[in-house]
C-alpha cells in the first residue's frame, strides 16, 4: 500500500480546488485507487491532497493522465510506503 501527499498553494484558491477536485474524480476510474482526502490548512490557502494506492504503478498510471497545465504537474508528490495502519 502507498500513501501519496500533494500540497498546493497559490493566489487562486478556487482555481486550485477545482483542479484538485477534478483530478480526484478521475482516480475512481483506476485500478489500485483506494482513498483520497482534500484538506485545507486553517488560516492559510494551502491545500493538501492525501491519497492511498495499492502500489506505485497504480498511482503512476493515474498521474500520467493528468494534463500538463494542471496543478498536479507543479506539485511534487511525497510518496510513502505504508508500514502499518489502524482504523
C-alpha atoms as a PDB file:
ATOM      1  CA  UNK A   1       0.000   0.000   0.000  1.00  0.00           C
ATOM      2  CA  UNK A   2       1.188   3.505  -0.858  1.00  0.00           C
ATOM      3  CA  UNK A   3       0.324   6.924   0.610  1.00  0.00           C
ATOM      4  CA  UNK A   4       0.804   9.967  -1.623  1.00  0.00           C
ATOM      5  CA  UNK A   5       0.648  13.566  -0.401  1.00  0.00           C
ATOM      6  CA  UNK A   6       0.410  16.563  -2.721  1.00  0.00           C
ATOM      7  CA  UNK A   7       0.459  20.129  -1.390  1.00  0.00           C
ATOM      8  CA  UNK A   8      -0.812  23.107  -3.368  1.00  0.00           C
ATOM      9  CA  UNK A   9      -0.608  26.828  -2.663  1.00  0.00           C
ATOM     10  CA  UNK A  10      -1.346  29.814  -4.810  1.00  0.00           C
ATOM     11  CA  UNK A  11      -3.288  33.046  -5.099  1.00  0.00           C
ATOM     12  CA  UNK A  12      -6.273  31.440  -6.881  1.00  0.00           C
ATOM     13  CA  UNK A  13      -7.694  29.127  -4.210  1.00  0.00           C
ATOM     14  CA  UNK A  14     -10.916  28.398  -6.108  1.00  0.00           C
ATOM     15  CA  UNK A  15      -8.982  27.519  -9.271  1.00  0.00           C
ATOM     16  CA  UNK A  16      -6.701  25.172  -7.336  1.00  0.00           C
ATOM     17  CA  UNK A  17      -9.625  23.480  -5.595  1.00  0.00           C
ATOM     18  CA  UNK A  18     -11.340  22.994  -8.940  1.00  0.00           C
ATOM     19  CA  UNK A  19      -8.279  21.304 -10.440  1.00  0.00           C
ATOM     20  CA  UNK A  20      -7.753  19.114  -7.371  1.00  0.00           C
ATOM     21  CA  UNK A  21     -11.400  18.027  -7.274  1.00  0.00           C
ATOM     22  CA  UNK A  22     -11.376  17.253 -10.984  1.00  0.00           C
ATOM     23  CA  UNK A  23      -8.188  15.232 -10.539  1.00  0.00           C
ATOM     24  CA  UNK A  24      -9.543  13.110  -7.695  1.00  0.00           C
ATOM     25  CA  UNK A  25     -12.761  12.388  -9.580  1.00  0.00           C
ATOM     26  CA  UNK A  26     -10.613  10.717 -12.244  1.00  0.00           C
ATOM     27  CA  UNK A  27      -8.948   8.489  -9.606  1.00  0.00           C
ATOM     28  CA  UNK A  28     -12.100   6.418  -9.256  1.00  0.00           C
ATOM     29  CA  UNK A  29     -11.569   5.002 -12.746  1.00  0.00           C
ATOM     30  CA  UNK A  30      -8.172   3.474 -11.917  1.00  0.00           C
ATOM     31  CA  UNK A  31      -7.470   0.038 -10.528  1.00  0.00           C
ATOM     32  CA  UNK A  32      -5.465   0.305  -7.347  1.00  0.00           C
ATOM     33  CA  UNK A  33      -7.022   3.566  -6.122  1.00  0.00           C
ATOM     34  CA  UNK A  34      -8.171   3.247  -2.502  1.00  0.00           C
ATOM     35  CA  UNK A  35      -8.909   6.632  -0.919  1.00  0.00           C
ATOM     36  CA  UNK A  36      -8.473  10.393  -1.313  1.00  0.00           C
ATOM     37  CA  UNK A  37      -8.964  13.313   1.047  1.00  0.00           C
ATOM     38  CA  UNK A  38      -8.707  17.017   0.166  1.00  0.00           C
ATOM     39  CA  UNK A  39      -7.794  19.247   3.117  1.00  0.00           C
ATOM     40  CA  UNK A  40      -7.247  22.981   3.571  1.00  0.00           C
ATOM     41  CA  UNK A  41      -4.917  24.199   6.272  1.00  0.00           C
ATOM     42  CA  UNK A  42      -6.573  26.579   8.704  1.00  0.00           C
ATOM     43  CA  UNK A  43      -5.717  30.264   8.297  1.00  0.00           C
ATOM     44  CA  UNK A  44      -3.816  29.733   5.023  1.00  0.00           C
ATOM     45  CA  UNK A  45      -4.622  28.940   1.407  1.00  0.00           C
ATOM     46  CA  UNK A  46      -2.558  25.730   1.409  1.00  0.00           C
ATOM     47  CA  UNK A  47      -4.386  22.625   0.198  1.00  0.00           C
ATOM     48  CA  UNK A  48      -3.251  19.056   0.806  1.00  0.00           C
ATOM     49  CA  UNK A  49      -4.398  16.001  -1.117  1.00  0.00           C
ATOM     50  CA  UNK A  50      -3.835  12.760   0.767  1.00  0.00           C
ATOM     51  CA  UNK A  51      -4.404   9.604  -1.301  1.00  0.00           C
ATOM     52  CA  UNK A  52      -3.895   5.869  -0.943  1.00  0.00           C
ATOM     53  CA  UNK A  53      -2.997   3.461  -3.728  1.00  0.00           C
ATOM     54  CA  UNK A  54      -2.456  -0.268  -3.971  1.00  0.00           C
ATOM     55  CA  UNK A  55       1.062   0.285  -5.334  1.00  0.00           C
ATOM     56  CA  UNK A  56       3.263   2.827  -7.105  1.00  0.00           C
ATOM     57  CA  UNK A  57       2.329   1.561 -10.547  1.00  0.00           C
ATOM     58  CA  UNK A  58      -1.369   2.279  -9.889  1.00  0.00           C
ATOM     59  CA  UNK A  59      -0.520   5.821  -8.767  1.00  0.00           C
ATOM     60  CA  UNK A  60       1.756   6.430 -11.763  1.00  0.00           C
ATOM     61  CA  UNK A  61      -0.877   5.118 -14.185  1.00  0.00           C
ATOM     62  CA  UNK A  62      -3.225   7.780 -12.867  1.00  0.00           C
ATOM     63  CA  UNK A  63      -0.570  10.540 -12.656  1.00  0.00           C
ATOM     64  CA  UNK A  64       0.330  10.016 -16.324  1.00  0.00           C
ATOM     65  CA  UNK A  65      -3.214  11.024 -17.332  1.00  0.00           C
ATOM     66  CA  UNK A  66      -3.135  14.460 -15.657  1.00  0.00           C
ATOM     67  CA  UNK A  67      -2.942  17.333 -18.146  1.00  0.00           C
ATOM     68  CA  UNK A  68       0.233  19.402 -18.416  1.00  0.00           C
ATOM     69  CA  UNK A  69      -1.345  22.659 -17.200  1.00  0.00           C
ATOM     70  CA  UNK A  70      -2.828  21.082 -14.091  1.00  0.00           C
ATOM     71  CA  UNK A  71      -1.853  21.987 -10.515  1.00  0.00           C
ATOM     72  CA  UNK A  72      -0.733  18.361 -10.030  1.00  0.00           C
ATOM     73  CA  UNK A  73       2.105  18.869 -12.522  1.00  0.00           C
ATOM     74  CA  UNK A  74       3.534  21.761 -10.488  1.00  0.00           C
ATOM     75  CA  UNK A  75       3.285  19.876  -7.192  1.00  0.00           C
ATOM     76  CA  UNK A  76       5.911  17.243  -6.434  1.00  0.00           C
ATOM     77  CA  UNK A  77       4.229  14.395  -4.561  1.00  0.00           C
ATOM     78  CA  UNK A  78       5.627  12.872  -1.409  1.00  0.00           C
ATOM     79  CA  UNK A  79       5.335   9.085  -1.649  1.00  0.00           C
ATOM     80  CA  UNK A  80       5.344   6.806   1.390  1.00  0.00           C
ATOM     81  CA  UNK A  81       5.192   3.023   1.697  1.00  0.00           C
ATOM     82  CA  UNK A  82       2.570   2.145   4.304  1.00  0.00           C
ATOM     83  CA  UNK A  83       4.064   0.099   7.125  1.00  0.00           C
ATOM     84  CA  UNK A  84       1.029  -0.144   9.375  1.00  0.00           C
ATOM     85  CA  UNK A  85      -2.477   1.276   9.605  1.00  0.00           C
ATOM     86  CA  UNK A  86      -5.250   1.291  12.168  1.00  0.00           C
ATOM     87  CA  UNK A  87      -8.856   2.303  11.581  1.00  0.00           C
END
